[in-house]
Protein backbone atom coordinates (compact mmCIF):
# COMPACT_ATOMS: atom_id res chain seq x y z
CA UNK A 1 90.49 90.98 103.90
CA UNK A 2 87.74 91.60 106.74
CA UNK A 3 87.64 95.09 105.83
CA UNK A 4 86.68 94.38 102.20
CA UNK A 5 84.19 91.83 103.46
CA UNK A 6 82.81 94.70 105.80
CA UNK A 7 82.90 97.35 102.72
CA UNK A 8 80.69 94.79 100.89
CA UNK A 9 78.19 94.36 103.70
CA UNK A 10 74.37 95.17 103.41
CA UNK A 11 74.90 97.27 106.16
CA UNK A 12 77.95 99.39 104.84
CA UNK A 13 75.97 99.44 101.30
CA UNK A 14 73.04 100.94 103.34
CA UNK A 15 75.39 103.55 104.86
CA UNK A 16 76.74 104.40 101.38
CA UNK A 17 73.59 104.80 99.84
CA UNK A 18 72.63 107.34 102.79
CA UNK A 19 75.63 109.09 101.96
CA UNK A 20 75.46 109.31 98.19
CA UNK A 21 72.04 108.92 97.18
CA UNK A 22 73.12 106.08 94.81
CA UNK A 23 70.50 103.31 94.54
CA UNK A 24 70.75 99.51 94.45
CA UNK A 25 74.58 99.44 95.09
CA UNK A 26 76.45 96.17 94.31
CA UNK A 27 79.85 95.70 95.42
CA UNK A 28 82.37 94.16 92.90
CA UNK A 29 82.99 90.68 94.08
CA UNK A 30 86.12 90.23 91.90
CA UNK A 31 87.64 93.35 92.82
CA UNK A 32 88.15 94.21 88.90
CA UNK A 33 91.04 97.10 89.49
CA UNK A 34 90.49 97.32 93.17
CA UNK A 35 91.84 95.75 96.24
CA UNK A 36 95.21 97.04 97.97
CA UNK A 37 97.19 99.77 95.79
CA UNK A 38 100.78 100.29 96.28
CA UNK A 39 102.76 102.91 94.51
CA UNK A 40 106.68 103.28 95.21
CA UNK A 41 108.84 106.49 95.13
CA UNK A 42 108.31 108.01 91.57
CA UNK A 43 105.25 106.58 90.83
CA UNK A 44 102.31 108.23 89.97
CA UNK A 45 98.77 107.91 88.23
CA UNK A 46 97.61 110.11 85.62
CA UNK A 47 94.30 112.04 85.82
CA UNK A 48 91.45 110.00 84.29
CA UNK A 49 87.65 109.09 84.49
CA UNK A 50 87.20 105.47 85.39
CA UNK A 51 85.19 103.24 82.99
CA UNK A 52 81.76 103.36 83.62
CA UNK A 53 80.51 100.03 82.45
CA UNK A 54 81.17 96.35 83.68
CA UNK A 55 80.75 94.02 80.94
CA UNK A 56 81.57 91.06 83.23
CA UNK A 57 78.96 92.32 85.68
CA UNK A 58 76.51 93.95 83.05
CA UNK A 59 76.33 96.99 85.47
CA UNK A 60 76.96 100.78 85.76
CA UNK A 61 79.97 101.74 87.85
CA UNK A 62 78.49 104.18 90.12
CA UNK A 63 81.16 104.82 93.09
CA UNK A 64 84.75 104.72 94.23
CA UNK A 65 86.03 104.30 97.66
CA UNK A 66 89.55 104.69 98.55
CA UNK A 67 91.17 104.31 101.96
CA UNK A 68 94.42 105.40 102.80
CA UNK A 69 96.66 103.36 104.81
CA UNK A 70 99.71 105.66 105.20
CA UNK A 71 100.92 106.58 108.60
CA UNK A 72 102.92 109.58 109.23
CA UNK A 73 102.60 110.64 105.26
CA UNK A 74 104.58 113.92 104.75
CA UNK A 75 102.80 116.34 102.54
CA UNK A 76 106.20 117.28 100.61
CA UNK A 77 106.61 113.42 99.31
CA UNK A 78 103.41 114.66 97.13
CA UNK A 79 101.11 111.86 96.46
CA UNK A 80 97.64 113.54 97.12
CA UNK A 81 94.53 112.58 95.30
CA UNK A 82 93.55 115.36 92.63
CA UNK A 83 90.00 115.91 91.92
CA UNK A 84 89.60 118.16 88.61
CA UNK A 85 86.87 119.81 87.02
CA UNK A 86 85.19 118.45 83.94
CA UNK A 87 86.89 120.53 81.29
CA UNK A 88 90.16 119.63 83.01
CA UNK A 89 91.17 123.56 83.56
CA UNK A 90 91.59 123.31 87.26
CA UNK A 91 92.42 120.99 90.09
CA UNK A 92 89.31 121.24 92.55
CA UNK A 93 90.64 119.92 95.55
CA UNK A 94 93.49 117.84 96.62
CA UNK A 95 93.53 115.11 99.55
CA UNK A 96 96.63 113.79 101.00
CA UNK A 97 96.87 109.92 101.32
CA UNK A 98 97.16 110.04 105.05
CA UNK A 99 96.05 106.92 107.00
CA UNK A 100 92.41 106.32 107.68
CA UNK A 101 91.29 109.04 105.22
CA UNK A 102 88.24 107.69 103.20
CA UNK A 103 87.31 109.13 99.84
CA UNK A 104 83.94 108.35 98.31
CA UNK A 105 83.13 109.91 94.90
CA UNK A 106 80.83 109.18 92.03
CA UNK A 107 82.25 107.58 89.04
CA UNK A 108 80.90 109.49 85.94
CA UNK A 109 82.01 110.93 82.57
CA UNK A 110 83.24 114.02 84.71
CA UNK A 111 85.04 112.30 87.79
CA UNK A 112 88.56 113.17 86.53
CA UNK A 113 90.84 112.08 89.39
CA UNK A 114 94.53 111.07 89.77
CA UNK A 115 97.92 111.89 91.34
CA UNK A 116 99.81 112.92 88.43
CA UNK A 117 102.95 114.04 89.93
CA UNK A 118 105.72 111.66 90.76
CA UNK A 119 105.87 110.48 94.53
CA UNK A 120 109.06 111.94 96.23
CA UNK A 121 108.70 109.71 99.12
CA UNK A 122 111.79 107.73 100.58
CA UNK A 123 112.58 104.53 98.59
CA UNK A 124 111.51 102.46 101.84
CA UNK A 125 108.19 104.18 101.97
CA UNK A 126 105.08 103.31 99.50
CA UNK A 127 101.61 104.81 99.26
CA UNK A 128 99.01 102.31 100.27
CA UNK A 129 95.50 102.42 99.89
CA UNK A 130 92.53 100.15 99.30
CA UNK A 131 90.40 100.78 96.35
CA UNK A 132 86.79 99.42 96.23
CA UNK A 133 84.26 100.19 93.26
CA UNK A 134 80.44 99.91 93.61
CA UNK A 135 78.13 99.42 90.91
CA UNK A 136 74.42 99.54 90.09
CA UNK A 137 71.83 98.04 87.65
CA UNK A 138 70.10 101.66 87.32
CA UNK A 139 71.39 103.52 84.50
CA UNK A 140 73.08 107.00 85.49
CA UNK A 141 70.81 110.17 85.02
CA UNK A 142 73.20 112.85 84.64
CA UNK A 143 77.00 113.10 83.32
CA UNK A 144 77.07 109.99 81.28
CA UNK A 145 77.11 109.75 77.74
CA UNK A 146 77.51 106.19 76.77
CA UNK A 147 78.64 102.68 78.11
CA UNK A 148 82.63 103.19 78.39
CA UNK A 149 84.54 100.29 79.11
CA UNK A 150 87.80 101.63 79.25
CA UNK A 151 89.57 104.48 81.52
CA UNK A 152 89.49 108.16 79.93
CA UNK A 153 93.23 109.58 80.29
CA UNK A 154 93.46 113.23 80.13
CA UNK A 155 96.31 115.70 80.33
CA UNK A 156 96.49 118.19 82.78
CA UNK A 157 97.71 121.90 82.00
CA UNK A 158 101.29 121.78 81.05
CA UNK A 159 101.43 118.29 80.76
CA UNK A 160 103.13 116.52 77.56
CA UNK A 161 100.97 113.50 78.03
CA UNK A 162 98.75 112.85 75.05
CA UNK A 163 95.68 110.35 75.46
CA UNK A 164 96.06 107.18 73.58
CA UNK A 165 99.77 107.73 72.80
CA UNK A 166 102.84 106.28 74.60
CA UNK A 167 104.85 109.41 76.74
CA UNK A 168 108.21 110.36 75.25
């Protein structure tokens, strides 16, 4: 896809560096976990912090880029990206998955995000996005405890979800 190629170009990487301050960014050539995502009515994504180390690339995961592709998205359908604080006590902000909305954020031990509430869109509507991840050989200076090769899922207040255990 041409958009993914452009988002991997040196020019775009320079723009991301200027935007975020992250140095020596490398796009994921295999789109591990990335690419086009589609979620159907009733679907959700539990709040989590992504893995911070790619064993395959031998690089630190540093940035997430999400581009939403949903024309005419209705807020009452839900599906907003929720960004949570480090202790999981509060959602700091929500971002509707409206067409051409792009979100870029740091991937670290505190970057908890997701859309934990089931979508209420009509059956013929899907929540579509492109997810791209960027890496660096430079070890993060802050909010990083150790190499983590798995996603760190967390319950939100009032949630019955328990990390590491299946939901009832």
